[in-house]
Amino acid sequence: MSVTPLTEESSNLALKPPSSKPRWARVDTLPYLLLGPSILLIILIDLYPFLTAVVYSLQNGSLLAPGTFVGLQNYLSTFTDPEFQYSVVFSAIFAAFSVVGSYLLGLGLALLLIQNFPLRGLFRVLLIIPWILSSIVTIVSWRWMIQDQHGTINVLLGWFHLGPIFFLSSTKWAVVSVIVIKIWRSFPFILHASGLLWLDCPCILLPGWMWKEHVYSFCSREME
């Protein structure tokens, strides 16, 4: 059996002795030099303010007049404060209901919009409007609708001899209002991301063994 001879270059590489430089000298420093400015910027913007805030939290002073070291007294006072405890409970309720409500409404509408019915394209566009509106427009519009006396919702309830509901004056109704507004603001994103991007494909109605073949044919037709 014949053996293919090595080329001259390959022979030189094979016979080249290992480098005598120390291991740290053989490290490529270019990636570290390129990452250096970004790491320094992160330290200045994120790490330094964070450490400064930790130091101030252990003192009884302020940003204008630093005080003496008090340890964890500020944290104990904060955790036992009723307003802080209420804020934690409200944040948990707001996050849970907002996320669950947005997902349920978005997925439900996505499953509805994959069905064939008249004006389906128009409803797709209309349901994305809450997502593309600016936050200021959304807040002003909802505040106008849920005013205690002359809001649109209370005016409509008055036609049926109901209400008024004090959405902004009552603590419970204020919590319900901000959760509803957050769901109204967020569900179009869930509708678009988890619904219109992949639920619109008719292959979801097929059995598993036909999935791959139909996805290929469906995508081929869409690209033509």
C-alpha atoms as a PDB file:
ATOM      1  CA  MET A   1       0.000   0.000   0.000  1.00  0.00           C
ATOM      2  CA  SER A   2       1.431   3.345  -1.053  1.00  0.00           C
ATOM      3  CA  VAL A   3       1.600   6.268   1.360  1.00  0.00           C
ATOM      4  CA  THR A   4       1.079   9.798   0.108  1.00  0.00           C
ATOM      5  CA  PRO A   5       4.208  11.817   0.923  1.00  0.00           C
ATOM      6  CA  LEU A   6       3.897  14.956   2.964  1.00  0.00           C
ATOM      7  CA  THR A   7       4.396  18.282   1.275  1.00  0.00           C
ATOM      8  CA  GLU A   8       7.326  20.443   2.239  1.00  0.00           C
ATOM      9  CA  GLU A   9       5.107  22.834   4.185  1.00  0.00           C
ATOM     10  CA  SER A  10       3.431  20.037   6.095  1.00  0.00           C
ATOM     11  CA  SER A  11       6.792  18.531   6.920  1.00  0.00           C
ATOM     12  CA  ASN A  12       8.029  21.852   8.295  1.00  0.00           C
ATOM     13  CA  LEU A  13       4.935  22.196  10.467  1.00  0.00           C
ATOM     14  CA  ALA A  14       5.262  18.662  11.733  1.00  0.00           C
ATOM     15  CA  LEU A  15       8.922  19.091  12.616  1.00  0.00           C
ATOM     16  CA  LYS A  16       8.494  22.586  14.103  1.00  0.00           C
ATOM     17  CA  PRO A  17       9.443  22.538  17.785  1.00  0.00           C
ATOM     18  CA  PRO A  18       6.909  23.776  20.327  1.00  0.00           C
ATOM     19  CA  SER A  19       7.061  27.438  21.255  1.00  0.00           C
ATOM     20  CA  SER A  20       9.245  28.292  24.189  1.00  0.00           C
ATOM     21  CA  LYS A  21       7.044  31.273  25.193  1.00  0.00           C
ATOM     22  CA  PRO A  22       5.140  31.017  28.468  1.00  0.00           C
ATOM     23  CA  ARG A  23       1.473  30.135  28.248  1.00  0.00           C
ATOM     24  CA  TRP A  24       0.248  33.609  29.204  1.00  0.00           C
ATOM     25  CA  ALA A  25       2.319  35.132  26.394  1.00  0.00           C
ATOM     26  CA  ARG A  26       0.642  32.919  23.793  1.00  0.00           C
ATOM     27  CA  VAL A  27      -2.884  34.187  24.656  1.00  0.00           C
ATOM     28  CA  ASP A  28      -4.481  36.278  21.939  1.00  0.00           C
ATOM     29  CA  THR A  29      -5.088  39.665  23.548  1.00  0.00           C
ATOM     30  CA  LEU A  30      -7.052  41.214  20.673  1.00  0.00           C
ATOM     31  CA  PRO A  31     -10.497  39.977  21.847  1.00  0.00           C
ATOM     32  CA  TYR A  32      -9.822  41.338  25.333  1.00  0.00           C
ATOM     33  CA  LEU A  33      -8.739  44.688  23.927  1.00  0.00           C
ATOM     34  CA  LEU A  34     -11.944  44.883  21.887  1.00  0.00           C
ATOM     35  CA  LEU A  35     -14.118  43.979  24.873  1.00  0.00           C
ATOM     36  CA  GLY A  36     -12.270  46.291  27.249  1.00  0.00           C
ATOM     37  CA  PRO A  37     -14.163  49.543  26.435  1.00  0.00           C
ATOM     38  CA  SER A  38     -17.539  47.803  26.705  1.00  0.00           C
ATOM     39  CA  ILE A  39     -16.657  46.197  30.031  1.00  0.00           C
ATOM     40  CA  LEU A  40     -15.383  49.524  31.372  1.00  0.00           C
ATOM     41  CA  LEU A  41     -18.601  51.243  30.264  1.00  0.00           C
ATOM     42  CA  ILE A  42     -20.729  48.600  31.964  1.00  0.00           C
ATOM     43  CA  ILE A  43     -18.746  49.026  35.182  1.00  0.00           C
ATOM     44  CA  LEU A  44     -19.186  52.798  35.134  1.00  0.00           C
ATOM     45  CA  ILE A  45     -22.899  52.740  34.258  1.00  0.00           C
ATOM     46  CA  ASP A  46     -24.139  49.669  36.166  1.00  0.00           C
ATOM     47  CA  LEU A  47     -21.696  48.346  38.727  1.00  0.00           C
ATOM     48  CA  TYR A  48     -20.515  51.599  40.308  1.00  0.00           C
ATOM     49  CA  PRO A  49     -24.027  53.053  40.874  1.00  0.00           C
ATOM     50  CA  PHE A  50     -25.167  49.702  42.276  1.00  0.00           C
ATOM     51  CA  LEU A  51     -22.315  49.520  44.782  1.00  0.00           C
ATOM     52  CA  THR A  52     -22.838  53.182  45.703  1.00  0.00           C
ATOM     53  CA  ALA A  53     -26.521  52.531  46.372  1.00  0.00           C
ATOM     54  CA  VAL A  54     -25.637  49.569  48.604  1.00  0.00           C
ATOM     55  CA  VAL A  55     -23.272  51.760  50.633  1.00  0.00           C
ATOM     56  CA  TYR A  56     -25.893  54.518  51.015  1.00  0.00           C
ATOM     57  CA  SER A  57     -28.510  51.971  52.075  1.00  0.00           C
ATOM     58  CA  LEU A  58     -26.358  51.072  55.070  1.00  0.00           C
ATOM     59  CA  GLN A  59     -26.222  54.683  56.263  1.00  0.00           C
ATOM     60  CA  ASN A  60     -28.771  57.060  57.777  1.00  0.00           C
ATOM     61  CA  GLY A  61     -27.927  59.969  55.486  1.00  0.00           C
ATOM     62  CA  SER A  62     -28.838  60.921  51.923  1.00  0.00           C
ATOM     63  CA  LEU A  63     -27.153  61.723  48.631  1.00  0.00           C
ATOM     64  CA  LEU A  64     -26.666  65.331  49.754  1.00  0.00           C
ATOM     65  CA  ALA A  65     -25.559  64.621  53.297  1.00  0.00           C
ATOM     66  CA  PRO A  66     -24.011  61.176  53.920  1.00  0.00           C
ATOM     67  CA  GLY A  67     -24.646  59.911  57.440  1.00  0.00           C
ATOM     68  CA  THR A  68     -23.261  57.287  59.753  1.00  0.00           C
ATOM     69  CA  PHE A  69     -23.292  53.524  59.380  1.00  0.00           C
ATOM     70  CA  VAL A  70     -26.507  51.929  60.699  1.00  0.00           C
ATOM     71  CA  GLY A  71     -26.238  48.428  59.257  1.00  0.00           C
ATOM     72  CA  LEU A  72     -29.487  46.768  58.189  1.00  0.00           C
ATOM     73  CA  GLN A  73     -31.733  49.187  60.052  1.00  0.00           C
ATOM     74  CA  ASN A  74     -33.003  50.797  56.846  1.00  0.00           C
ATOM     75  CA  TYR A  75     -33.971  47.408  55.419  1.00  0.00           C
ATOM     76  CA  LEU A  76     -35.762  46.383  58.625  1.00  0.00           C
ATOM     77  CA  SER A  77     -37.700  49.638  58.663  1.00  0.00           C
ATOM     78  CA  THR A  78     -38.679  49.195  55.038  1.00  0.00           C
ATOM     79  CA  PHE A  79     -39.825  45.581  55.364  1.00  0.00           C
ATOM     80  CA  THR A  80     -42.006  46.420  58.376  1.00  0.00           C
ATOM     81  CA  ASP A  81     -43.565  49.446  56.734  1.00  0.00           C
ATOM     82  CA  PRO A  82     -47.272  48.782  55.893  1.00  0.00           C
ATOM     83  CA  GLU A  83     -47.067  50.835  52.715  1.00  0.00           C
ATOM     84  CA  PHE A  84     -44.136  48.746  51.471  1.00  0.00           C
ATOM     85  CA  GLN A  85     -45.962  45.522  52.286  1.00  0.00           C
ATOM     86  CA  TYR A  86     -49.028  46.734  50.406  1.00  0.00           C
ATOM     87  CA  SER A  87     -46.833  47.672  47.441  1.00  0.00           C
ATOM     88  CA  VAL A  88     -45.355  44.169  47.357  1.00  0.00           C
ATOM     89  CA  VAL A  89     -48.799  42.554  47.466  1.00  0.00           C
ATOM     90  CA  PHE A  90     -50.113  44.902  44.790  1.00  0.00           C
ATOM     91  CA  SER A  91     -47.090  44.238  42.546  1.00  0.00           C
ATOM     92  CA  ALA A  92     -47.584  40.479  42.867  1.00  0.00           C
ATOM     93  CA  ILE A  93     -51.319  40.705  42.096  1.00  0.00           C
ATOM     94  CA  PHE A  94     -50.725  43.098  39.217  1.00  0.00           C
ATOM     95  CA  ALA A  95     -48.008  40.931  37.652  1.00  0.00           C
ATOM     96  CA  ALA A  96     -49.930  37.658  38.025  1.00  0.00           C
ATOM     97  CA  PHE A  97     -53.259  38.862  36.640  1.00  0.00           C
ATOM     98  CA  SER A  98     -51.656  40.956  33.899  1.00  0.00           C
ATOM     99  CA  VAL A  99     -49.507  38.125  32.555  1.00  0.00           C
ATOM    100  CA  VAL A 100     -52.198  35.453  32.809  1.00  0.00           C
ATOM    101  CA  GLY A 101     -54.872  37.732  31.377  1.00  0.00           C
ATOM    102  CA  SER A 102     -52.705  38.850  28.478  1.00  0.00           C
ATOM    103  CA  TYR A 103     -51.791  35.277  27.549  1.00  0.00           C
ATOM    104  CA  LEU A 104     -55.328  33.947  27.812  1.00  0.00           C
ATOM    105  CA  LEU A 105     -56.835  36.790  25.801  1.00  0.00           C
ATOM    106  CA  GLY A 106     -54.045  36.795  23.217  1.00  0.00           C
ATOM    107  CA  LEU A 107     -54.072  33.030  22.660  1.00  0.00           C
ATOM    108  CA  GLY A 108     -57.862  32.914  22.630  1.00  0.00           C
ATOM    109  CA  LEU A 109     -58.089  35.592  19.947  1.00  0.00           C
ATOM    110  CA  ALA A 110     -55.276  33.926  18.003  1.00  0.00           C
ATOM    111  CA  LEU A 111     -57.185  30.650  17.939  1.00  0.00           C
ATOM    112  CA  LEU A 112     -60.262  32.567  16.816  1.00  0.00           C
ATOM    113  CA  LEU A 113     -58.442  34.428  14.052  1.00  0.00           C
ATOM    114  CA  ILE A 114     -57.143  31.273  12.377  1.00  0.00           C
ATOM    115  CA  GLN A 115     -60.724  30.434  11.481  1.00  0.00           C
ATOM    116  CA  ASN A 116     -62.127  31.590   8.169  1.00  0.00           C
ATOM    117  CA  PHE A 117     -64.762  34.282   8.597  1.00  0.00           C
ATOM    118  CA  PRO A 118     -65.571  37.588   6.859  1.00  0.00           C
ATOM    119  CA  LEU A 119     -63.384  40.623   7.601  1.00  0.00           C
ATOM    120  CA  ARG A 120     -60.758  38.513   9.367  1.00  0.00           C
ATOM    121  CA  GLY A 121     -57.951  40.730   8.036  1.00  0.00           C
ATOM    122  CA  LEU A 122     -59.684  43.854   9.344  1.00  0.00           C
ATOM    123  CA  PHE A 123     -59.986  42.380  12.837  1.00  0.00           C
ATOM    124  CA  ARG A 124     -56.306  41.458  12.783  1.00  0.00           C
ATOM    125  CA  VAL A 125     -55.380  45.066  12.125  1.00  0.00           C
ATOM    126  CA  LEU A 126     -57.816  46.477  14.686  1.00  0.00           C
ATOM    127  CA  LEU A 127     -56.614  44.147  17.438  1.00  0.00           C
ATOM    128  CA  ILE A 128     -53.021  45.323  17.036  1.00  0.00           C
ATOM    129  CA  ILE A 129     -53.947  48.995  17.577  1.00  0.00           C
ATOM    130  CA  PRO A 130     -53.585  48.881  21.400  1.00  0.00           C
ATOM    131  CA  TRP A 131     -50.003  47.680  20.971  1.00  0.00           C
ATOM    132  CA  ILE A 132     -48.902  50.342  18.496  1.00  0.00           C
ATOM    133  CA  LEU A 133     -50.491  53.298  20.297  1.00  0.00           C
ATOM    134  CA  SER A 134     -48.161  55.393  22.420  1.00  0.00           C
ATOM    135  CA  SER A 135     -48.368  55.043  26.196  1.00  0.00           C
ATOM    136  CA  ILE A 136     -49.442  58.649  26.676  1.00  0.00           C
ATOM    137  CA  VAL A 137     -52.361  58.279  24.262  1.00  0.00           C
ATOM    138  CA  THR A 138     -53.419  55.069  25.983  1.00  0.00           C
ATOM    139  CA  ILE A 139     -53.313  56.553  29.486  1.00  0.00           C
ATOM    140  CA  VAL A 140     -55.192  59.725  28.519  1.00  0.00           C
ATOM    141  CA  SER A 141     -57.853  57.753  26.628  1.00  0.00           C
ATOM    142  CA  TRP A 142     -58.493  55.332  29.484  1.00  0.00           C
ATOM    143  CA  ARG A 143     -58.517  58.130  32.053  1.00  0.00           C
ATOM    144  CA  TRP A 144     -61.155  59.901  30.003  1.00  0.00           C
ATOM    145  CA  MET A 145     -63.250  56.717  29.824  1.00  0.00           C
ATOM    146  CA  ILE A 146     -63.077  55.781  33.534  1.00  0.00           C
ATOM    147  CA  GLN A 147     -63.644  59.181  35.112  1.00  0.00           C
ATOM    148  CA  ASP A 148     -65.803  59.015  38.208  1.00  0.00           C
ATOM    149  CA  GLN A 149     -68.579  61.351  37.075  1.00  0.00           C
ATOM    150  CA  HIS A 150     -68.486  61.986  33.339  1.00  0.00           C
ATOM    151  CA  GLY A 151     -66.458  59.060  32.054  1.00  0.00           C
ATOM    152  CA  THR A 152     -67.716  57.114  29.061  1.00  0.00           C
ATOM    153  CA  ILE A 153     -68.190  53.893  31.020  1.00  0.00           C
ATOM    154  CA  ASN A 154     -70.201  55.567  33.772  1.00  0.00           C
ATOM    155  CA  VAL A 155     -72.319  57.411  31.200  1.00  0.00           C
ATOM    156  CA  LEU A 156     -73.141  54.096  29.524  1.00  0.00           C
ATOM    157  CA  LEU A 157     -73.936  52.515  32.887  1.00  0.00           C
ATOM    158  CA  GLY A 158     -76.219  55.451  33.654  1.00  0.00           C
ATOM    159  CA  TRP A 159     -78.333  54.636  30.609  1.00  0.00           C
ATOM    160  CA  PHE A 160     -79.173  51.304  32.269  1.00  0.00           C
ATOM    161  CA  HIS A 161     -79.619  52.946  35.704  1.00  0.00           C
ATOM    162  CA  LEU A 162     -76.396  51.403  37.012  1.00  0.00           C
ATOM    163  CA  GLY A 163     -73.399  52.893  38.752  1.00  0.00           C
ATOM    164  CA  PRO A 164     -71.607  55.128  38.882  1.00  0.00           C
ATOM    165  CA  ILE A 165     -68.445  53.160  39.602  1.00  0.00           C
ATOM    166  CA  PHE A 166     -65.627  55.202  41.102  1.00  0.00           C
ATOM    167  CA  PHE A 167     -62.723  53.638  39.245  1.00  0.00           C
ATOM    168  CA  LEU A 168     -60.183  56.244  40.355  1.00  0.00           C
ATOM    169  CA  SER A 169     -61.426  56.901  43.898  1.00  0.00           C
ATOM    170  CA  SER A 170     -61.910  53.341  45.128  1.00  0.00           C
ATOM    171  CA  THR A 171     -58.767  51.352  45.952  1.00  0.00           C
ATOM    172  CA  LYS A 172     -60.185  48.047  44.717  1.00  0.00           C
ATOM    173  CA  TRP A 173     -61.532  49.489  41.476  1.00  0.00           C
ATOM    174  CA  ALA A 174     -58.239  51.321  40.888  1.00  0.00           C
ATOM    175  CA  VAL A 175     -56.377  47.988  41.083  1.00  0.00           C
ATOM    176  CA  VAL A 176     -58.867  46.392  38.698  1.00  0.00           C
ATOM    177  CA  SER A 177     -58.568  49.357  36.323  1.00  0.00           C
ATOM    178  CA  VAL A 178     -54.773  49.257  36.014  1.00  0.00           C
ATOM    179  CA  ILE A 179     -54.837  45.474  35.487  1.00  0.00           C
ATOM    180  CA  VAL A 180     -57.456  45.802  32.734  1.00  0.00           C
ATOM    181  CA  ILE A 181     -55.490  48.602  31.071  1.00  0.00           C
ATOM    182  CA  LYS A 182     -52.298  46.546  31.205  1.00  0.00           C
ATOM    183  CA  ILE A 183     -54.041  43.522  29.666  1.00  0.00           C
ATOM    184  CA  TRP A 184     -55.558  45.700  26.950  1.00  0.00           C
ATOM    185  CA  ARG A 185     -52.121  47.130  26.247  1.00  0.00           C
ATOM    186  CA  SER A 186     -50.235  43.789  26.202  1.00  0.00           C
ATOM    187  CA  PHE A 187     -52.532  41.185  24.656  1.00  0.00           C
ATOM    188  CA  PRO A 188     -51.846  42.263  21.013  1.00  0.00           C
ATOM    189  CA  PHE A 189     -48.192  41.308  21.479  1.00  0.00           C
ATOM    190  CA  ILE A 190     -49.173  37.813  22.636  1.00  0.00           C
ATOM    191  CA  LEU A 191     -51.710  37.657  19.817  1.00  0.00           C
ATOM    192  CA  HIS A 192     -49.063  38.478  17.233  1.00  0.00           C
ATOM    193  CA  ALA A 193     -46.086  36.589  18.655  1.00  0.00           C
ATOM    194  CA  SER A 194     -47.786  33.353  19.651  1.00  0.00           C
ATOM    195  CA  GLY A 195     -50.782  33.459  17.350  1.00  0.00           C
ATOM    196  CA  LEU A 196     -50.510  35.110  13.967  1.00  0.00           C
ATOM    197  CA  LEU A 197     -46.931  33.959  13.349  1.00  0.00           C
ATOM    198  CA  TRP A 198     -47.501  30.219  13.576  1.00  0.00           C
ATOM    199  CA  LEU A 199     -51.135  29.491  14.400  1.00  0.00           C
ATOM    200  CA  ASP A 200     -52.116  30.891  11.009  1.00  0.00           C
ATOM    201  CA  CYS A 201     -50.533  27.860   9.325  1.00  0.00           C
ATOM    202  CA  PRO A 202     -53.280  25.360   8.422  1.00  0.00           C
ATOM    203  CA  CYS A 203     -50.985  22.444   9.306  1.00  0.00           C
ATOM    204  CA  ILE A 204     -52.025  22.700  12.983  1.00  0.00           C
ATOM    205  CA  LEU A 205     -55.284  21.020  12.018  1.00  0.00           C
ATOM    206  CA  LEU A 206     -53.468  17.959  10.655  1.00  0.00           C
ATOM    207  CA  PRO A 207     -52.414  14.777  12.469  1.00  0.00           C
ATOM    208  CA  GLY A 208     -48.817  14.520  13.611  1.00  0.00           C
ATOM    209  CA  TRP A 209     -47.699  12.146  10.845  1.00  0.00           C
ATOM    210  CA  MET A 210     -48.746  14.684   8.173  1.00  0.00           C
ATOM    211  CA  TRP A 211     -47.130  17.685   9.905  1.00  0.00           C
ATOM    212  CA  LYS A 212     -43.697  17.689   8.259  1.00  0.00           C
ATOM    213  CA  GLU A 213     -44.930  17.130   4.711  1.00  0.00           C
ATOM    214  CA  HIS A 214     -47.640  19.776   4.924  1.00  0.00           C
ATOM    215  CA  VAL A 215     -45.323  22.355   6.489  1.00  0.00           C
ATOM    216  CA  TYR A 216     -42.925  21.889   3.587  1.00  0.00           C
ATOM    217  CA  SER A 217     -45.646  22.233   0.956  1.00  0.00           C
ATOM    218  CA  PHE A 218     -47.295  25.177   2.730  1.00  0.00           C
ATOM    219  CA  CYS A 219     -44.039  27.111   3.044  1.00  0.00           C
ATOM    220  CA  SER A 220     -43.129  26.341  -0.568  1.00  0.00           C
ATOM    221  CA  ARG A 221     -46.396  27.836  -1.789  1.00  0.00           C
ATOM    222  CA  GLU A 222     -45.942  30.916   0.380  1.00  0.00           C
ATOM    223  CA  MET A 223     -42.456  31.537  -1.056  1.00  0.00           C
ATOM    224  CA  GLU A 224     -43.550  31.276  -4.678  1.00  0.00           C
END
